[in-house]
Amino acid sequence: MTSLLLLPALALGLLGAHFYRAAAWPLVALCVLLVVLLAWPRAWVARLVQLALLLGALEWLWTAGWLVQQRLALGQPWLRLACILGAVAVFTGASALVFRSAALRARYGRAATNPPG
């Protein structure tokens, strides 16, 4: 169960590093705070982290689009950049799905009423 929390923690760490590079200190602090909040088993924490991860995936896609435009304008290769940042965006967005697992539903007080099968 706890190992599942490594995925959103890693995604938030990558997002924090992205904001750190852009000197967006409040967003860096928010990413760190969200990682710390993962230790607090409350339903609203799970929802907040899921929202942050989905917004983070959108940020990665926006950044990828902006950087691809810059590369195209300079006549530089862009496909590898787009693939890497696209994969990071998918990873970040998919990390929000770990909260749908039975173990994390139980941890965050959102036990499934109708378990599958």
Foldseek 3Di string as FASTA:
>chain_A
DVVLLVLLLVLLVVLLVVCVVVVVVVSNVVSVVLNVCVVPQALVSLVVSLVVLLVSLVVLQVVLVVVLVVCVVVVHDRPVSNVVSNVSSVSSNVSSVSCVDQVNCVRNVNHDPDDDD
